[in-house]
Protein backbone atom coordinates (compact mmCIF):
# COMPACT_ATOMS: atom_id res chain seq x y z
CA UNK A 1 24.58 14.83 -1.48
CA UNK A 2 21.98 16.20 0.90
CA UNK A 3 18.30 15.30 0.93
CA UNK A 4 17.48 18.91 0.02
CA UNK A 5 19.70 18.65 -3.07
CA UNK A 6 18.03 15.39 -4.04
CA UNK A 7 14.60 16.96 -3.59
CA UNK A 8 15.53 19.87 -5.82
CA UNK A 9 16.90 17.50 -8.44
CA UNK A 10 13.77 15.39 -8.34
CA UNK A 11 11.63 18.44 -8.98
CA UNK A 12 13.70 19.82 -11.85
CA UNK A 13 11.68 18.38 -14.71
CA UNK A 14 8.42 19.54 -13.14
CA UNK A 15 9.82 23.01 -12.59
CA UNK A 16 10.74 23.48 -16.24
CA UNK A 17 7.14 23.46 -17.43
CA UNK A 18 4.89 24.29 -14.47
CA UNK A 19 3.80 27.73 -13.28
CA UNK A 20 3.27 28.62 -9.64
CA UNK A 21 0.24 26.84 -8.22
CA UNK A 22 -3.08 28.59 -7.77
CA UNK A 23 -5.13 28.53 -4.62
CA UNK A 24 -7.45 25.91 -6.08
CA UNK A 25 -4.56 23.63 -7.06
CA UNK A 26 -4.38 22.10 -3.58
CA UNK A 27 -4.62 18.32 -3.65
CA UNK A 28 -5.75 16.41 -0.56
CA UNK A 29 -3.84 13.14 -0.33
CA UNK A 30 -4.62 10.22 1.98
CA UNK A 31 -1.69 7.95 2.85
CA UNK A 32 -0.57 5.20 5.24
CA UNK A 33 2.62 5.00 7.29
CA UNK A 34 4.50 2.14 5.66
CA UNK A 35 7.95 2.04 4.08
CA UNK A 36 6.61 1.23 0.61
CA UNK A 37 4.25 4.24 0.79
CA UNK A 38 7.29 6.53 1.00
CA UNK A 39 7.37 7.75 -2.59
CA UNK A 40 3.70 8.74 -2.33
CA UNK A 41 4.49 10.70 0.83
CA UNK A 42 7.43 12.36 -0.92
CA UNK A 43 5.13 13.88 -3.56
CA UNK A 44 4.26 16.73 -1.21
CA UNK A 45 7.93 17.72 -1.00
CA UNK A 46 8.28 18.36 -4.73
CA UNK A 47 4.67 19.31 -5.47
CA UNK A 48 5.26 23.11 -5.54
CA UNK A 49 7.77 22.61 -8.33
CA UNK A 50 5.08 20.71 -10.25
CA UNK A 51 2.68 23.63 -9.89
CA UNK A 52 0.50 22.20 -7.12
CA UNK A 53 0.38 21.90 -3.35
CA UNK A 54 -0.29 18.57 -1.65
CA UNK A 55 -1.80 18.25 1.81
CA UNK A 56 -1.04 14.78 3.16
CA UNK A 57 -3.35 13.14 5.68
CA UNK A 58 -2.21 9.92 7.38
CA UNK A 59 -4.66 7.09 8.15
CA UNK A 60 -4.41 3.85 10.12
CA UNK A 61 -5.60 1.56 7.32
CA UNK A 62 -6.81 1.55 3.74
CA UNK A 63 -10.58 1.40 4.39
CA UNK A 64 -10.24 4.65 6.36
CA UNK A 65 -8.81 6.31 3.25
CA UNK A 66 -11.78 5.04 1.26
CA UNK A 67 -14.22 6.47 3.80
CA UNK A 68 -12.52 9.86 3.59
CA UNK A 69 -12.78 9.85 -0.22
CA UNK A 70 -16.43 8.83 0.04
CA UNK A 71 -16.99 11.77 2.41
CA UNK A 72 -15.41 14.15 -0.10
CA UNK A 73 -12.44 14.87 2.17
CA UNK A 74 -9.71 13.57 -0.17
CA UNK A 75 -8.86 13.86 -3.86
CA UNK A 76 -6.27 11.08 -4.02
CA UNK A 77 -5.55 8.10 -1.79
CA UNK A 78 -2.87 5.43 -1.43
CA UNK A 79 -4.07 2.04 -0.28
CA UNK A 80 -3.95 -1.69 -0.84
CA UNK A 81 -6.01 -3.04 -3.70
CA UNK A 82 -8.48 -4.78 -1.38
CA UNK A 83 -9.58 -1.49 0.18
CA UNK A 84 -9.92 0.14 -3.22
CA UNK A 85 -11.97 -2.77 -4.58
CA UNK A 86 -14.22 -2.93 -1.53
CA UNK A 87 -14.63 0.83 -1.63
CA UNK A 88 -15.65 0.81 -5.29
CA UNK A 89 -18.04 -2.10 -4.67
CA UNK A 90 -19.67 -0.13 -1.87
CA UNK A 91 -20.16 3.01 -3.92
CA UNK A 92 -16.92 4.96 -3.49
CA UNK A 93 -16.57 7.12 -6.65
CA UNK A 94 -12.92 6.28 -7.35
CA UNK A 95 -10.60 5.27 -10.16
CA UNK A 96 -7.38 3.30 -9.82
CA UNK A 97 -4.81 5.46 -11.63
CA UNK A 98 -1.47 3.82 -10.79
CA UNK A 99 0.36 1.25 -8.72
CA UNK A 100 3.10 2.32 -6.35
CA UNK A 101 4.54 -0.78 -4.66
CA UNK A 102 4.46 -4.56 -5.00
CA UNK A 103 4.41 -7.25 -2.32
CA UNK A 104 4.70 -5.88 1.21
CA UNK A 105 3.43 -8.87 3.15
CA UNK A 106 4.90 -11.68 5.25
CA UNK A 107 3.52 -14.46 7.36
CA UNK A 108 5.57 -14.42 10.58
CA UNK A 109 5.58 -16.80 13.51
CA UNK A 110 7.07 -16.76 16.99
CA UNK A 111 10.49 -18.46 16.98
CA UNK A 112 9.28 -20.95 19.62
CA UNK A 113 5.98 -21.77 17.87
CA UNK A 114 7.23 -24.63 15.69
CA UNK A 115 5.37 -23.14 12.73
CA UNK A 116 7.23 -23.86 9.49
CA UNK A 117 4.41 -23.75 6.95
CA UNK A 118 0.82 -22.60 6.54
CA UNK A 119 -0.43 -26.09 7.46
CA UNK A 120 1.26 -25.70 10.85
CA UNK A 121 -1.20 -22.91 11.66
CA UNK A 122 -3.86 -25.49 12.54
CA UNK A 123 -4.92 -24.95 16.14
CA UNK A 124 -3.12 -21.59 16.30
CA UNK A 125 -4.08 -17.96 16.78
CA UNK A 126 -3.10 -15.74 13.86
CA UNK A 127 -3.24 -11.95 13.87
CA UNK A 128 -4.10 -9.78 10.88
CA UNK A 129 -5.55 -6.34 10.23
CA UNK A 130 -9.18 -6.45 9.12
CA UNK A 131 -10.09 -4.99 5.76
CA UNK A 132 -6.71 -5.03 4.04
CA UNK A 133 -4.93 -7.08 1.40
CA UNK A 134 -3.21 -9.00 4.19
CA UNK A 135 -6.55 -10.44 5.31
CA UNK A 136 -7.25 -11.49 1.72
CA UNK A 137 -3.86 -13.17 1.40
CA UNK A 138 -4.25 -14.96 4.74
CA UNK A 139 -7.69 -16.27 3.79
CA UNK A 140 -6.44 -17.57 0.44
CA UNK A 141 -3.35 -19.21 1.96
CA UNK A 142 -5.46 -20.96 4.59
CA UNK A 143 -7.95 -22.11 1.95
CA UNK A 144 -5.13 -23.46 -0.22
CA UNK A 145 -3.89 -25.43 2.80
CA UNK A 146 -7.37 -26.79 3.47
CA UNK A 147 -7.75 -24.97 6.79
CA UNK A 148 -10.96 -23.37 8.05
CA UNK A 149 -10.83 -20.00 9.77
CA UNK A 150 -12.99 -17.86 12.05
CA UNK A 151 -12.59 -15.05 14.54
CA UNK A 152 -14.28 -17.35 17.04
CA UNK A 153 -12.91 -20.61 18.51
CA UNK A 154 -13.96 -23.85 16.82
CA UNK A 155 -12.30 -23.66 13.40
CA UNK A 156 -8.83 -24.85 12.39
CA UNK A 157 -7.41 -21.35 12.79
CA UNK A 158 -8.64 -18.54 15.00
CA UNK A 159 -7.94 -15.14 13.47
CA UNK A 160 -7.45 -12.16 15.76
CA UNK A 161 -8.05 -8.75 14.18
CA UNK A 162 -5.63 -6.04 15.31
CA UNK A 163 -4.28 -2.79 13.92
CA UNK A 164 -0.96 -3.04 12.06
CA UNK A 165 0.73 -1.17 14.90
CA UNK A 166 -0.46 -3.74 17.46
CA UNK A 167 0.38 -6.97 15.65
CA UNK A 168 4.08 -6.93 16.50
CA UNK A 169 3.41 -6.27 20.17
CA UNK A 170 0.96 -9.16 20.30
CA UNK A 171 3.54 -11.48 18.74
CA UNK A 172 6.27 -10.21 21.07
CA UNK A 173 3.99 -10.68 24.07
CA UNK A 174 3.20 -14.26 22.92
CA UNK A 175 -0.51 -13.45 22.67
CA UNK A 176 -0.43 -14.71 19.08
CA UNK A 177 1.31 -17.62 17.39
CA UNK A 178 1.66 -15.93 14.01
CA UNK A 179 0.79 -12.71 12.16
CA UNK A 180 0.29 -11.61 8.58
CA UNK A 181 2.11 -8.29 8.64
CA UNK A 182 3.12 -5.38 6.41
CA UNK A 183 6.45 -3.55 5.99
CA UNK A 184 8.58 -2.36 7.69
CA UNK A 185 6.92 -3.96 10.73
CA UNK A 186 7.54 -7.53 9.58
CA UNK A 187 11.22 -6.80 8.91
CA UNK A 188 11.50 -5.19 12.34
CA UNK A 189 10.06 -8.30 14.02
CA UNK A 190 12.57 -10.50 12.23
CA UNK A 191 15.56 -8.23 12.90
CA UNK A 192 14.66 -7.89 16.59
CA UNK A 193 14.38 -11.64 16.96
CA UNK A 194 10.78 -12.14 18.06
CA UNK A 195 9.48 -13.14 14.61
CA UNK A 196 10.60 -15.59 11.93
CA UNK A 197 9.43 -15.65 8.35
CA UNK A 198 7.14 -18.54 7.47
CA UNK A 199 6.52 -17.33 3.93
CA UNK A 200 5.85 -14.43 1.62
CA UNK A 201 2.25 -15.05 0.53
CA UNK A 202 2.72 -14.56 -3.20
CA UNK A 203 1.79 -18.06 -4.40
CA UNK A 204 -1.92 -17.27 -4.75
CA UNK A 205 -3.64 -16.24 -8.01
CA UNK A 206 -3.06 -12.61 -6.93
CA UNK A 207 0.71 -13.03 -6.94
CA UNK A 208 2.56 -10.10 -5.36
CA UNK A 209 -0.23 -7.61 -4.59
CA UNK A 210 0.14 -4.17 -6.13
CA UNK A 211 -0.70 -1.19 -3.94
CA UNK A 212 -3.06 1.24 -5.62
CA UNK A 213 -3.12 4.99 -6.09
CA UNK A 214 -6.74 6.05 -6.48
CA UNK A 215 -8.39 9.33 -7.45
CA UNK A 216 -11.94 10.47 -6.84
CA UNK A 217 -14.00 10.49 -10.02
CA UNK A 218 -14.71 14.19 -9.48
CA UNK A 219 -11.01 15.07 -9.29
CA UNK A 220 -10.16 12.87 -12.29
CA UNK A 221 -12.95 14.23 -14.48
CA UNK A 222 -13.32 17.86 -13.41
CA UNK A 223 -9.72 18.83 -12.56
CA UNK A 224 -7.77 17.08 -15.32
CA UNK A 225 -4.97 19.62 -15.55
CA UNK A 226 -4.30 19.50 -11.81
CA UNK A 227 -4.63 15.72 -11.78
CA UNK A 228 -2.05 15.52 -14.57
CA UNK A 229 0.38 17.69 -12.58
CA UNK A 230 -0.10 15.44 -9.56
CA UNK A 231 0.59 12.34 -11.64
CA UNK A 232 3.76 13.90 -13.02
CA UNK A 233 4.89 14.50 -9.44
CA UNK A 234 4.03 10.91 -8.52
CA UNK A 235 6.10 9.51 -11.37
CA UNK A 236 9.02 11.81 -10.60
CA UNK A 237 9.00 10.97 -6.87
CA UNK A 238 8.78 7.26 -7.64
CA UNK A 239 11.61 7.46 -10.18
CA UNK A 240 13.84 9.09 -7.55
CA UNK A 241 13.05 6.38 -5.00
CA UNK A 242 13.68 3.60 -7.52
CA UNK A 243 16.91 5.13 -8.87
CA UNK A 244 18.33 6.49 -5.61
CA UNK A 245 17.92 4.06 -2.73
CA UNK A 246 19.87 6.37 -0.43
CA UNK A 247 17.39 9.19 -0.93
CA UNK A 248 14.47 6.83 -0.39
CA UNK A 249 16.00 5.43 2.79
CA UNK A 250 16.82 8.86 4.19
CA UNK A 251 13.33 10.20 3.60
CA UNK A 252 11.47 7.15 4.90
CA UNK A 253 13.64 6.61 7.95
CA UNK A 254 14.08 10.25 8.98
CA UNK A 255 10.95 12.05 7.77
CA UNK A 256 8.32 9.33 7.98
CA UNK A 257 9.55 7.16 10.85
CA UNK A 258 11.66 9.69 12.80
CA UNK A 259 14.57 7.21 12.98
CA UNK A 260 12.39 4.54 14.62
CA UNK A 261 13.44 1.97 12.03
CA UNK A 262 16.99 0.91 11.22
CA UNK A 263 18.78 0.86 7.88
CA UNK A 264 18.46 -2.93 7.91
CA UNK A 265 14.73 -2.66 8.57
CA UNK A 266 14.35 -0.33 5.60
CA UNK A 267 16.52 -2.41 3.26
CA UNK A 268 14.66 -5.62 4.12
CA UNK A 269 11.27 -3.92 3.88
CA UNK A 270 11.87 -2.48 0.40
CA UNK A 271 13.37 -5.75 -0.82
CA UNK A 272 9.96 -7.24 -0.02
CA UNK A 273 7.94 -4.25 -1.28
CA UNK A 274 9.72 -2.55 -4.19
CA UNK A 275 8.44 0.72 -5.59
CA UNK A 276 6.69 0.71 -8.96
CA UNK A 277 4.48 2.88 -11.18
CA UNK A 278 2.30 0.39 -12.93
CA UNK A 279 -0.90 -1.52 -12.39
CA UNK A 280 -3.22 -3.41 -14.73
CA UNK A 281 -6.93 -4.00 -14.94
CA UNK A 282 -6.13 -7.72 -15.12
CA UNK A 283 -4.41 -7.64 -11.71
CA UNK A 284 -7.30 -5.77 -10.12
CA UNK A 285 -9.80 -8.15 -11.71
CA UNK A 286 -7.95 -11.20 -10.39
CA UNK A 287 -7.81 -9.68 -6.91
CA UNK A 288 -11.52 -8.89 -7.14
CA UNK A 289 -12.35 -12.45 -8.19
CA UNK A 290 -10.32 -13.92 -5.32
CA UNK A 291 -11.96 -11.59 -2.80
CA UNK A 292 -15.42 -12.55 -4.05
CA UNK A 293 -14.62 -16.26 -3.92
CA UNK A 294 -13.32 -16.06 -0.33
CA UNK A 295 -16.07 -13.69 0.82
CA UNK A 296 -13.62 -10.94 1.75
CA UNK A 297 -15.19 -7.51 1.59
CA UNK A 298 -18.73 -8.90 1.46
CA UNK A 299 -19.34 -7.61 -2.06
CA UNK A 300 -22.78 -8.19 -3.58
CA UNK A 301 -21.75 -6.71 -6.91
CA UNK A 302 -17.98 -6.97 -7.48
CA UNK A 303 -16.76 -4.08 -9.65
CA UNK A 304 -15.48 -4.84 -13.14
CA UNK A 305 -11.85 -3.69 -13.23
CA UNK A 306 -11.79 -2.42 -16.81
CA UNK A 307 -14.53 0.07 -15.92
CA UNK A 308 -12.56 1.83 -13.19
CA UNK A 309 -8.85 1.23 -13.77
CA UNK A 310 -7.77 4.38 -15.64
CA UNK A 311 -4.04 4.62 -16.37
CA UNK A 312 -4.10 7.27 -19.10
CA UNK A 313 -2.74 10.04 -16.83
CA UNK A 314 0.03 7.70 -15.67
CA UNK A 315 1.03 6.85 -19.22
CA UNK A 316 1.06 10.54 -20.18
CA UNK A 317 3.25 11.39 -17.20
CA UNK A 318 5.69 8.55 -17.91
CA UNK A 319 5.91 9.54 -21.56
CA UNK A 320 6.56 13.19 -20.70
CA UNK A 321 9.42 12.11 -18.42
CA UNK A 322 10.78 9.52 -20.90
CA UNK A 323 10.11 6.62 -18.55
CA UNK A 324 9.23 3.22 -20.01
């Protein structure tokens, strides 16, 4: 079965009930280039069959997506929960409307570092991307191990802030002892032999972090019909990626990464960051509380999750497609 056939099949339910899209039914989507963001990226492929058109814009990290929403440049964005929470706390007019992946983090170390646990990070340099859920998870893991941290020398652990794309190179070049990395980059480091897994950081109160799909308040409130079509497309794309791993792999590896990651990289990445639909206000509230406690995001007034987690469009879309 070809990818085109799979795409047509994925769009079939949308096509049965949706008319051709109008000029004003163009949805501006912000996304990140990670394996577990693949189903979100795939929405644009089936969007015309759902009666809308999706323009995807790729960003380097979640806070950049939030800035674009704040500037009125995006209607929908895919990001880690930390960026969404920080964005809302700092005035971004957004609602969390769905989850789309769980997990997606690993603490890796150089094979020759001798690091076997978080406690072994004492006296080491650890790389992480600033302003993402990985920074939150690293801070909590270090706190649980009783280790102090700073981006300056003098604490137990010195954190080095780098872009996701640069973390692997810094580990490979032995400029860092360990990194808290996303997928598929962490799986690539392991499979290429210059990184070993220390742990998956899911033993904090947050558990496995859920990535968030957010909508601007304006889009959610003033364009409900279009927003509902988009959510139907999201659910349908996600269902395909959950049910048909081959289609997910083909799209992510060939369309998103231009064959720069291997089948093994993809398989390992998605094993650590499975696709999902759901998110809860309780999960966002717990993440918010942990961020506030650790000082991540520098929030003066942490947002109350139940006031801005809105899953009604998600539930409607799942019900219309007979998905539990």
